[in-house]
Amino acid sequence: MGTFFMSFHCACCGQIHECLPDIGSSAPWAMYTIPEEERATRVWLKQDTCVIDDQEFFIRGVLEIPVHEQEQTFGFGVWVSQSQEHFLSYQEYHNTDAIRPYFGWLCTEISMFSPTLSLKTMAHFQGNGQRPTIELEPTDHPLAVAQRDGISLERAWEIVHEYVKPSNLGVESSE
């Protein structure tokens, strides 16, 4: 049985959408605090890992948020900090689920739930070429509540429109 999303008439752009895309951040927040002209010498950024000044270590994972009345979750690609030991272990054994969950701090600012930097997380490793899933500490923070209780499809589309320009969704922008 496949995943199914019903068509949805979006209040943000007025268009009909068929499926909800996953979204994410291409780098940890800390990278953007480094002057652009210094990044080439201070930042080592790959698709799923980042090291800053040989002292700060980050991995990319997926924070999944359930969507009410939908089978598929809404995925947000986020970055979490890791100790050097855990980072090196992840690099060596990234394609296995045998790594125990590792603690980290959320290093992605998600504006619709702001502030989100430095929320406590656990990275759960899946292996098979999949990114780790990121679990937030169960608190009353709006993002932790959303991950625990889910969000409406309308709310998910609001978040998508905050991060993706309408033209990327096949929607013409009035800008």
N, C-alpha and C. Protein backbone atom coordinates (compact mmCIF):
# COMPACT_ATOMS: atom_id res chain seq x y z
N MET A 1 0.85 -1.17 0.00
CA MET A 1 0.00 0.00 0.00
C MET A 1 0.89 1.23 0.00
N GLY A 2 0.64 2.16 -0.91
CA GLY A 2 1.44 3.38 -1.04
C GLY A 2 0.93 4.49 -0.15
N THR A 3 1.73 5.51 -0.05
CA THR A 3 1.35 6.70 0.71
C THR A 3 0.38 7.51 -0.12
N PHE A 4 -0.60 8.09 0.53
CA PHE A 4 -1.63 8.82 -0.18
C PHE A 4 -1.87 10.17 0.49
N PHE A 5 -1.79 11.22 -0.30
CA PHE A 5 -2.17 12.55 0.14
C PHE A 5 -3.33 12.99 -0.74
N MET A 6 -4.38 13.44 -0.14
CA MET A 6 -5.49 13.96 -0.91
C MET A 6 -5.10 15.31 -1.50
N SER A 7 -5.77 15.69 -2.56
CA SER A 7 -5.58 17.03 -3.10
C SER A 7 -5.94 18.04 -2.02
N PHE A 8 -5.26 19.17 -2.07
CA PHE A 8 -5.46 20.16 -1.02
C PHE A 8 -5.50 21.54 -1.65
N HIS A 9 -6.57 22.30 -1.37
CA HIS A 9 -6.68 23.67 -1.85
C HIS A 9 -5.98 24.56 -0.84
N CYS A 10 -4.88 25.16 -1.27
CA CYS A 10 -3.99 25.90 -0.39
C CYS A 10 -4.48 27.33 -0.17
N ALA A 11 -4.66 27.69 1.10
CA ALA A 11 -5.07 29.05 1.44
C ALA A 11 -3.93 30.04 1.25
N CYS A 12 -2.68 29.56 1.26
CA CYS A 12 -1.52 30.45 1.09
C CYS A 12 -1.39 30.97 -0.33
N CYS A 13 -1.58 30.08 -1.32
CA CYS A 13 -1.34 30.48 -2.71
C CYS A 13 -2.56 30.32 -3.60
N GLY A 14 -3.64 29.69 -3.08
CA GLY A 14 -4.85 29.53 -3.86
C GLY A 14 -4.82 28.38 -4.86
N GLN A 15 -3.73 27.62 -4.89
CA GLN A 15 -3.59 26.53 -5.84
C GLN A 15 -3.98 25.20 -5.22
N ILE A 16 -4.17 24.20 -6.08
CA ILE A 16 -4.41 22.83 -5.63
C ILE A 16 -3.07 22.11 -5.61
N HIS A 17 -2.72 21.49 -4.48
CA HIS A 17 -1.49 20.71 -4.36
C HIS A 17 -1.86 19.24 -4.23
N GLU A 18 -1.03 18.39 -4.84
CA GLU A 18 -1.29 16.95 -4.80
C GLU A 18 -0.53 16.24 -3.70
N CYS A 19 0.69 16.68 -3.40
CA CYS A 19 1.46 16.01 -2.35
C CYS A 19 2.32 17.03 -1.62
N LEU A 20 2.62 16.73 -0.38
CA LEU A 20 3.37 17.61 0.49
C LEU A 20 4.86 17.31 0.35
N PRO A 21 5.68 18.31 -0.02
CA PRO A 21 7.12 18.06 -0.13
C PRO A 21 7.81 18.13 1.23
N ASP A 22 8.91 17.42 1.37
CA ASP A 22 9.77 17.61 2.52
C ASP A 22 10.62 18.85 2.24
N ILE A 23 11.03 19.54 3.28
CA ILE A 23 11.87 20.74 3.12
C ILE A 23 13.04 20.65 4.09
N GLY A 24 13.99 21.55 3.97
CA GLY A 24 15.10 21.48 4.89
C GLY A 24 16.10 22.60 4.72
N SER A 25 17.12 22.54 5.54
CA SER A 25 18.17 23.52 5.57
C SER A 25 19.44 22.91 4.98
N SER A 26 20.15 23.68 4.17
CA SER A 26 21.34 23.14 3.50
C SER A 26 22.60 23.20 4.35
N ALA A 27 22.56 23.89 5.49
CA ALA A 27 23.73 24.00 6.36
C ALA A 27 23.29 24.33 7.78
N PRO A 28 24.12 24.00 8.76
CA PRO A 28 23.77 24.38 10.14
C PRO A 28 23.85 25.89 10.32
N TRP A 29 23.06 26.40 11.24
CA TRP A 29 22.98 27.84 11.49
C TRP A 29 24.36 28.45 11.75
N ALA A 30 25.21 27.73 12.45
CA ALA A 30 26.52 28.26 12.81
C ALA A 30 27.35 28.65 11.59
N MET A 31 27.16 27.97 10.48
CA MET A 31 27.92 28.31 9.28
C MET A 31 27.59 29.73 8.81
N TYR A 32 26.33 30.12 8.94
CA TYR A 32 25.91 31.44 8.46
C TYR A 32 26.41 32.57 9.35
N THR A 33 26.95 32.25 10.53
CA THR A 33 27.52 33.27 11.40
C THR A 33 28.97 33.57 11.04
N ILE A 34 29.53 32.78 10.16
CA ILE A 34 30.92 32.97 9.70
C ILE A 34 30.89 33.84 8.46
N PRO A 35 31.72 34.87 8.40
CA PRO A 35 31.75 35.71 7.20
C PRO A 35 31.96 34.85 5.94
N GLU A 36 31.22 35.16 4.91
CA GLU A 36 31.26 34.37 3.68
C GLU A 36 32.68 34.19 3.14
N GLU A 37 33.50 35.22 3.24
CA GLU A 37 34.87 35.13 2.70
C GLU A 37 35.76 34.19 3.52
N GLU A 38 35.34 33.82 4.74
CA GLU A 38 36.13 32.91 5.58
C GLU A 38 35.65 31.47 5.51
N ARG A 39 34.49 31.23 4.94
CA ARG A 39 33.91 29.89 4.95
C ARG A 39 34.76 28.84 4.24
N ALA A 40 35.41 29.21 3.15
CA ALA A 40 36.20 28.25 2.39
C ALA A 40 37.33 27.65 3.22
N THR A 41 37.87 28.41 4.17
CA THR A 41 38.97 27.90 4.98
C THR A 41 38.53 27.39 6.35
N ARG A 42 37.35 27.76 6.79
CA ARG A 42 36.91 27.38 8.14
C ARG A 42 35.82 26.33 8.17
N VAL A 43 35.12 26.13 7.04
CA VAL A 43 33.95 25.24 7.03
C VAL A 43 34.18 24.10 6.04
N TRP A 44 33.94 22.90 6.51
CA TRP A 44 33.95 21.71 5.66
C TRP A 44 32.49 21.23 5.62
N LEU A 45 31.81 21.48 4.49
CA LEU A 45 30.39 21.17 4.37
C LEU A 45 30.16 20.16 3.27
N LYS A 46 29.56 19.05 3.63
CA LYS A 46 29.13 18.02 2.68
C LYS A 46 27.61 17.96 2.77
N GLN A 47 27.01 17.07 2.00
CA GLN A 47 25.55 16.99 1.97
C GLN A 47 24.95 16.69 3.35
N ASP A 48 25.60 15.82 4.11
CA ASP A 48 25.03 15.38 5.39
C ASP A 48 25.92 15.60 6.60
N THR A 49 27.08 16.21 6.42
CA THR A 49 27.99 16.48 7.53
C THR A 49 28.62 17.86 7.37
N CYS A 50 29.01 18.42 8.50
CA CYS A 50 29.65 19.73 8.49
C CYS A 50 30.60 19.81 9.68
N VAL A 51 31.78 20.41 9.44
CA VAL A 51 32.74 20.67 10.50
C VAL A 51 33.15 22.13 10.38
N ILE A 52 33.15 22.83 11.50
CA ILE A 52 33.56 24.23 11.52
C ILE A 52 34.78 24.37 12.43
N ASP A 53 35.85 24.94 11.88
CA ASP A 53 37.09 25.20 12.62
C ASP A 53 37.66 23.95 13.30
N ASP A 54 37.39 22.78 12.74
CA ASP A 54 37.86 21.51 13.33
C ASP A 54 37.44 21.35 14.79
N GLN A 55 36.37 22.08 15.20
CA GLN A 55 35.94 22.05 16.60
C GLN A 55 34.45 21.81 16.78
N GLU A 56 33.65 22.19 15.78
CA GLU A 56 32.20 22.02 15.87
C GLU A 56 31.79 21.00 14.81
N PHE A 57 30.97 20.02 15.21
CA PHE A 57 30.63 18.91 14.35
C PHE A 57 29.11 18.79 14.24
N PHE A 58 28.62 18.61 13.02
CA PHE A 58 27.18 18.58 12.76
C PHE A 58 26.85 17.45 11.80
N ILE A 59 25.66 16.88 12.01
CA ILE A 59 25.12 15.92 11.05
C ILE A 59 23.73 16.38 10.65
N ARG A 60 23.33 15.97 9.45
CA ARG A 60 22.00 16.32 8.96
C ARG A 60 21.08 15.12 9.16
N GLY A 61 19.89 15.40 9.62
CA GLY A 61 18.90 14.35 9.83
C GLY A 61 17.53 14.86 9.43
N VAL A 62 16.53 14.04 9.68
CA VAL A 62 15.16 14.40 9.32
C VAL A 62 14.30 14.43 10.58
N LEU A 63 13.74 15.60 10.84
CA LEU A 63 12.78 15.76 11.92
C LEU A 63 11.41 15.52 11.30
N GLU A 64 10.75 14.46 11.74
CA GLU A 64 9.45 14.10 11.16
C GLU A 64 8.32 14.62 12.03
N ILE A 65 7.34 15.23 11.35
CA ILE A 65 6.16 15.75 12.04
C ILE A 65 4.94 15.04 11.45
N PRO A 66 4.18 14.34 12.29
CA PRO A 66 2.96 13.70 11.77
C PRO A 66 1.98 14.75 11.25
N VAL A 67 1.27 14.40 10.20
CA VAL A 67 0.23 15.26 9.63
C VAL A 67 -1.10 14.57 9.88
N HIS A 68 -2.00 15.28 10.54
CA HIS A 68 -3.30 14.69 10.90
C HIS A 68 -3.97 14.08 9.67
N GLU A 69 -4.50 12.89 9.84
CA GLU A 69 -5.27 12.17 8.83
C GLU A 69 -4.46 11.84 7.57
N GLN A 70 -3.12 11.77 7.70
CA GLN A 70 -2.25 11.40 6.59
C GLN A 70 -1.34 10.27 7.04
N GLU A 71 -1.00 9.37 6.12
CA GLU A 71 -0.08 8.29 6.45
C GLU A 71 1.36 8.77 6.53
N GLN A 72 1.75 9.64 5.62
CA GLN A 72 3.12 10.09 5.53
C GLN A 72 3.36 11.26 6.47
N THR A 73 4.57 11.30 7.06
CA THR A 73 4.93 12.44 7.91
C THR A 73 5.48 13.57 7.05
N PHE A 74 5.52 14.75 7.62
CA PHE A 74 6.13 15.92 7.00
C PHE A 74 7.57 15.96 7.48
N GLY A 75 8.53 15.84 6.57
CA GLY A 75 9.93 15.80 6.94
C GLY A 75 10.61 17.14 6.80
N PHE A 76 11.42 17.50 7.80
CA PHE A 76 12.19 18.72 7.74
C PHE A 76 13.66 18.35 7.94
N GLY A 77 14.49 18.60 6.93
CA GLY A 77 15.92 18.33 7.02
C GLY A 77 16.57 19.33 7.96
N VAL A 78 17.10 18.85 9.07
CA VAL A 78 17.69 19.72 10.08
C VAL A 78 19.11 19.27 10.39
N TRP A 79 19.85 20.14 11.03
CA TRP A 79 21.21 19.86 11.47
C TRP A 79 21.25 19.81 12.98
N VAL A 80 22.01 18.85 13.50
CA VAL A 80 22.21 18.74 14.95
C VAL A 80 23.71 18.65 15.24
N SER A 81 24.10 19.24 16.36
CA SER A 81 25.50 19.17 16.76
C SER A 81 25.79 17.77 17.28
N GLN A 82 27.07 17.41 17.22
CA GLN A 82 27.52 16.12 17.74
C GLN A 82 28.88 16.32 18.40
N SER A 83 29.19 15.51 19.38
CA SER A 83 30.54 15.51 19.92
C SER A 83 31.46 14.98 18.82
N GLN A 84 32.73 15.28 18.91
CA GLN A 84 33.68 14.79 17.91
C GLN A 84 33.66 13.27 17.86
N GLU A 85 33.61 12.63 19.01
CA GLU A 85 33.59 11.16 19.08
C GLU A 85 32.37 10.60 18.35
N HIS A 86 31.20 11.15 18.60
CA HIS A 86 29.99 10.66 17.94
C HIS A 86 30.00 10.98 16.45
N PHE A 87 30.51 12.15 16.08
CA PHE A 87 30.60 12.53 14.68
C PHE A 87 31.49 11.54 13.92
N LEU A 88 32.65 11.23 14.48
CA LEU A 88 33.57 10.29 13.82
C LEU A 88 32.96 8.89 13.74
N SER A 89 32.25 8.49 14.77
CA SER A 89 31.57 7.20 14.75
C SER A 89 30.51 7.16 13.66
N TYR A 90 29.75 8.24 13.54
CA TYR A 90 28.73 8.33 12.49
C TYR A 90 29.38 8.26 11.10
N GLN A 91 30.49 8.97 10.92
CA GLN A 91 31.17 8.93 9.62
C GLN A 91 31.63 7.51 9.28
N GLU A 92 32.12 6.81 10.27
CA GLU A 92 32.64 5.46 10.02
C GLU A 92 31.51 4.45 9.81
N TYR A 93 30.43 4.59 10.55
CA TYR A 93 29.35 3.60 10.52
C TYR A 93 28.02 4.18 10.04
N HIS A 94 28.07 5.18 9.14
CA HIS A 94 26.86 5.89 8.73
C HIS A 94 25.83 5.00 8.05
N ASN A 95 26.23 3.88 7.54
CA ASN A 95 25.29 3.04 6.81
C ASN A 95 24.81 1.84 7.63
N THR A 96 24.71 2.03 8.93
CA THR A 96 24.22 0.97 9.80
C THR A 96 23.26 1.55 10.83
N ASP A 97 22.36 0.73 11.31
CA ASP A 97 21.46 1.17 12.38
C ASP A 97 21.97 0.67 13.73
N ALA A 98 23.20 0.14 13.76
CA ALA A 98 23.76 -0.40 14.99
C ALA A 98 24.28 0.68 15.93
N ILE A 99 24.39 1.92 15.46
CA ILE A 99 24.83 3.01 16.32
C ILE A 99 23.68 3.37 17.26
N ARG A 100 23.99 3.48 18.54
CA ARG A 100 22.93 3.87 19.48
C ARG A 100 22.57 5.33 19.23
N PRO A 101 21.41 5.79 19.67
CA PRO A 101 21.05 7.20 19.48
C PRO A 101 22.05 8.12 20.17
N TYR A 102 22.34 9.26 19.52
CA TYR A 102 23.28 10.23 20.04
C TYR A 102 22.57 11.54 20.34
N PHE A 103 22.95 12.13 21.48
CA PHE A 103 22.44 13.44 21.87
C PHE A 103 23.06 14.52 20.99
N GLY A 104 22.30 15.58 20.75
CA GLY A 104 22.82 16.75 20.06
C GLY A 104 21.89 17.93 20.29
N TRP A 105 22.34 19.11 19.88
CA TRP A 105 21.53 20.32 19.95
C TRP A 105 21.03 20.64 18.55
N LEU A 106 19.77 21.03 18.43
CA LEU A 106 19.24 21.43 17.13
C LEU A 106 19.96 22.69 16.67
N CYS A 107 20.47 22.66 15.45
CA CYS A 107 21.26 23.77 14.91
C CYS A 107 20.63 24.31 13.63
N THR A 108 19.32 24.24 13.56
CA THR A 108 18.55 24.79 12.45
C THR A 108 17.45 25.67 13.04
N GLU A 109 17.35 26.88 12.54
CA GLU A 109 16.28 27.77 12.97
C GLU A 109 15.09 27.56 12.05
N ILE A 110 13.98 27.13 12.62
CA ILE A 110 12.75 26.91 11.86
C ILE A 110 11.81 28.05 12.24
N SER A 111 11.73 29.04 11.37
CA SER A 111 11.08 30.31 11.73
C SER A 111 9.62 30.15 12.16
N MET A 112 8.91 29.20 11.60
CA MET A 112 7.50 29.03 11.96
C MET A 112 7.33 28.51 13.40
N PHE A 113 8.44 28.06 14.02
CA PHE A 113 8.40 27.56 15.39
C PHE A 113 9.44 28.27 16.27
N SER A 114 9.97 29.37 15.78
CA SER A 114 11.09 30.07 16.39
C SER A 114 10.82 30.45 17.85
N PRO A 115 11.86 30.41 18.67
CA PRO A 115 13.24 30.02 18.40
C PRO A 115 13.42 28.51 18.52
N THR A 116 14.22 27.93 17.65
CA THR A 116 14.44 26.49 17.69
C THR A 116 15.91 26.11 17.88
N LEU A 117 16.82 27.07 17.76
CA LEU A 117 18.23 26.74 17.98
C LEU A 117 18.43 26.25 19.40
N SER A 118 19.21 25.22 19.54
CA SER A 118 19.62 24.66 20.84
C SER A 118 18.53 23.89 21.57
N LEU A 119 17.53 23.40 20.83
CA LEU A 119 16.62 22.44 21.46
C LEU A 119 17.36 21.11 21.59
N LYS A 120 17.08 20.37 22.65
CA LYS A 120 17.74 19.08 22.86
C LYS A 120 17.15 18.04 21.91
N THR A 121 18.06 17.22 21.33
CA THR A 121 17.63 16.20 20.37
C THR A 121 18.33 14.88 20.63
N MET A 122 17.78 13.84 20.02
CA MET A 122 18.45 12.55 19.91
C MET A 122 18.41 12.18 18.43
N ALA A 123 19.57 11.80 17.89
CA ALA A 123 19.67 11.35 16.51
C ALA A 123 19.59 9.82 16.53
N HIS A 124 18.61 9.29 15.80
CA HIS A 124 18.41 7.84 15.71
C HIS A 124 18.87 7.39 14.33
N PHE A 125 19.85 6.51 14.29
CA PHE A 125 20.48 6.11 13.04
C PHE A 125 19.74 4.93 12.43
N GLN A 126 19.49 5.01 11.11
CA GLN A 126 18.66 4.03 10.42
C GLN A 126 19.44 3.11 9.49
N GLY A 127 20.61 3.54 9.04
CA GLY A 127 21.37 2.75 8.08
C GLY A 127 20.70 2.75 6.72
N ASN A 128 21.10 1.85 5.86
CA ASN A 128 20.53 1.69 4.52
C ASN A 128 20.51 2.99 3.72
N GLY A 129 21.52 3.84 3.93
CA GLY A 129 21.61 5.08 3.16
C GLY A 129 20.62 6.16 3.56
N GLN A 130 19.88 5.95 4.64
CA GLN A 130 18.90 6.94 5.09
C GLN A 130 19.52 7.87 6.14
N ARG A 131 19.08 9.11 6.12
CA ARG A 131 19.53 10.05 7.14
C ARG A 131 18.95 9.65 8.50
N PRO A 132 19.63 10.04 9.57
CA PRO A 132 19.08 9.76 10.90
C PRO A 132 17.76 10.50 11.11
N THR A 133 16.90 9.94 11.92
CA THR A 133 15.70 10.67 12.32
C THR A 133 16.06 11.45 13.59
N ILE A 134 15.52 12.64 13.69
CA ILE A 134 15.83 13.52 14.82
C ILE A 134 14.60 13.63 15.70
N GLU A 135 14.79 13.26 16.96
CA GLU A 135 13.71 13.31 17.94
C GLU A 135 14.01 14.44 18.92
N LEU A 136 13.04 15.33 19.09
CA LEU A 136 13.19 16.42 20.05
C LEU A 136 12.86 15.94 21.45
N GLU A 137 13.50 16.56 22.43
CA GLU A 137 13.15 16.30 23.82
C GLU A 137 11.67 16.66 23.99
N PRO A 138 10.89 15.81 24.67
CA PRO A 138 9.46 16.10 24.83
C PRO A 138 9.20 17.24 25.82
N THR A 139 9.09 18.44 25.28
CA THR A 139 8.83 19.63 26.10
C THR A 139 7.56 20.30 25.60
N ASP A 140 7.28 21.49 26.11
CA ASP A 140 6.13 22.27 25.65
C ASP A 140 6.50 23.22 24.52
N HIS A 141 7.74 23.15 24.01
CA HIS A 141 8.12 23.99 22.88
C HIS A 141 7.21 23.65 21.70
N PRO A 142 6.75 24.64 20.93
CA PRO A 142 5.81 24.39 19.83
C PRO A 142 6.29 23.34 18.81
N LEU A 143 7.59 23.27 18.54
CA LEU A 143 8.09 22.27 17.60
C LEU A 143 8.04 20.88 18.21
N ALA A 144 8.36 20.75 19.48
CA ALA A 144 8.28 19.46 20.16
C ALA A 144 6.83 18.99 20.24
N VAL A 145 5.91 19.92 20.49
CA VAL A 145 4.48 19.58 20.52
C VAL A 145 4.02 19.11 19.13
N ALA A 146 4.47 19.81 18.09
CA ALA A 146 4.10 19.42 16.72
C ALA A 146 4.63 18.04 16.40
N GLN A 147 5.86 17.74 16.80
CA GLN A 147 6.42 16.42 16.52
C GLN A 147 5.66 15.34 17.30
N ARG A 148 5.24 15.65 18.48
CA ARG A 148 4.54 14.68 19.33
C ARG A 148 3.08 14.51 18.93
N ASP A 149 2.37 15.64 18.69
CA ASP A 149 0.92 15.59 18.47
C ASP A 149 0.50 15.71 17.02
N GLY A 150 1.43 16.14 16.16
CA GLY A 150 1.10 16.32 14.75
C GLY A 150 0.54 17.70 14.46
N ILE A 151 0.41 17.98 13.16
CA ILE A 151 -0.13 19.27 12.70
C ILE A 151 -1.16 19.00 11.61
N SER A 152 -1.96 20.00 11.33
CA SER A 152 -2.95 19.87 10.25
C SER A 152 -2.23 19.97 8.90
N LEU A 153 -2.88 19.50 7.87
CA LEU A 153 -2.34 19.62 6.52
C LEU A 153 -2.22 21.10 6.15
N GLU A 154 -3.16 21.91 6.58
CA GLU A 154 -3.11 23.35 6.31
C GLU A 154 -1.86 23.97 6.92
N ARG A 155 -1.56 23.59 8.17
CA ARG A 155 -0.37 24.11 8.85
C ARG A 155 0.91 23.65 8.13
N ALA A 156 0.93 22.41 7.68
CA ALA A 156 2.10 21.90 6.95
C ALA A 156 2.33 22.73 5.70
N TRP A 157 1.26 23.06 4.97
CA TRP A 157 1.42 23.87 3.76
C TRP A 157 1.86 25.30 4.07
N GLU A 158 1.42 25.85 5.20
CA GLU A 158 1.91 27.17 5.61
C GLU A 158 3.43 27.13 5.80
N ILE A 159 3.91 26.07 6.42
CA ILE A 159 5.35 25.92 6.64
C ILE A 159 6.08 25.78 5.31
N VAL A 160 5.55 24.97 4.41
CA VAL A 160 6.17 24.80 3.10
C VAL A 160 6.28 26.14 2.40
N HIS A 161 5.22 26.93 2.41
CA HIS A 161 5.22 28.22 1.72
C HIS A 161 6.18 29.22 2.37
N GLU A 162 6.48 29.02 3.63
CA GLU A 162 7.47 29.88 4.29
C GLU A 162 8.87 29.61 3.74
N TYR A 163 9.13 28.38 3.31
CA TYR A 163 10.48 27.97 2.89
C TYR A 163 10.66 27.81 1.40
N VAL A 164 9.59 27.57 0.67
CA VAL A 164 9.69 27.29 -0.76
C VAL A 164 8.96 28.39 -1.52
N LYS A 165 9.64 28.97 -2.47
CA LYS A 165 8.99 30.01 -3.28
C LYS A 165 7.87 29.38 -4.10
N PRO A 166 6.74 30.08 -4.26
CA PRO A 166 5.62 29.52 -5.01
C PRO A 166 6.00 29.01 -6.39
N SER A 167 6.94 29.66 -7.08
CA SER A 167 7.32 29.22 -8.43
C SER A 167 7.94 27.82 -8.40
N ASN A 168 8.54 27.41 -7.28
CA ASN A 168 9.10 26.07 -7.17
C ASN A 168 8.03 25.01 -6.99
N LEU A 169 6.82 25.41 -6.68
CA LEU A 169 5.71 24.48 -6.51
C LEU A 169 4.82 24.47 -7.74
N GLY A 170 5.25 25.10 -8.80
CA GLY A 170 4.42 25.20 -9.99
C GLY A 170 3.38 26.29 -9.87
N VAL A 171 3.61 27.22 -8.97
CA VAL A 171 2.67 28.31 -8.73
C VAL A 171 3.36 29.60 -9.16
N GLU A 172 2.64 30.40 -9.88
CA GLU A 172 3.24 31.68 -10.30
C GLU A 172 3.17 32.67 -9.15
N SER A 173 4.28 33.35 -8.94
CA SER A 173 4.37 34.34 -7.88
C SER A 173 3.92 35.70 -8.41
N SER A 174 3.32 36.49 -7.56
CA SER A 174 2.89 37.82 -7.97
C SER A 174 4.00 38.84 -7.77
N GLU A 175 5.19 38.40 -7.35
CA GLU A 175 6.31 39.32 -7.13
C GLU A 175 6.94 39.74 -8.43
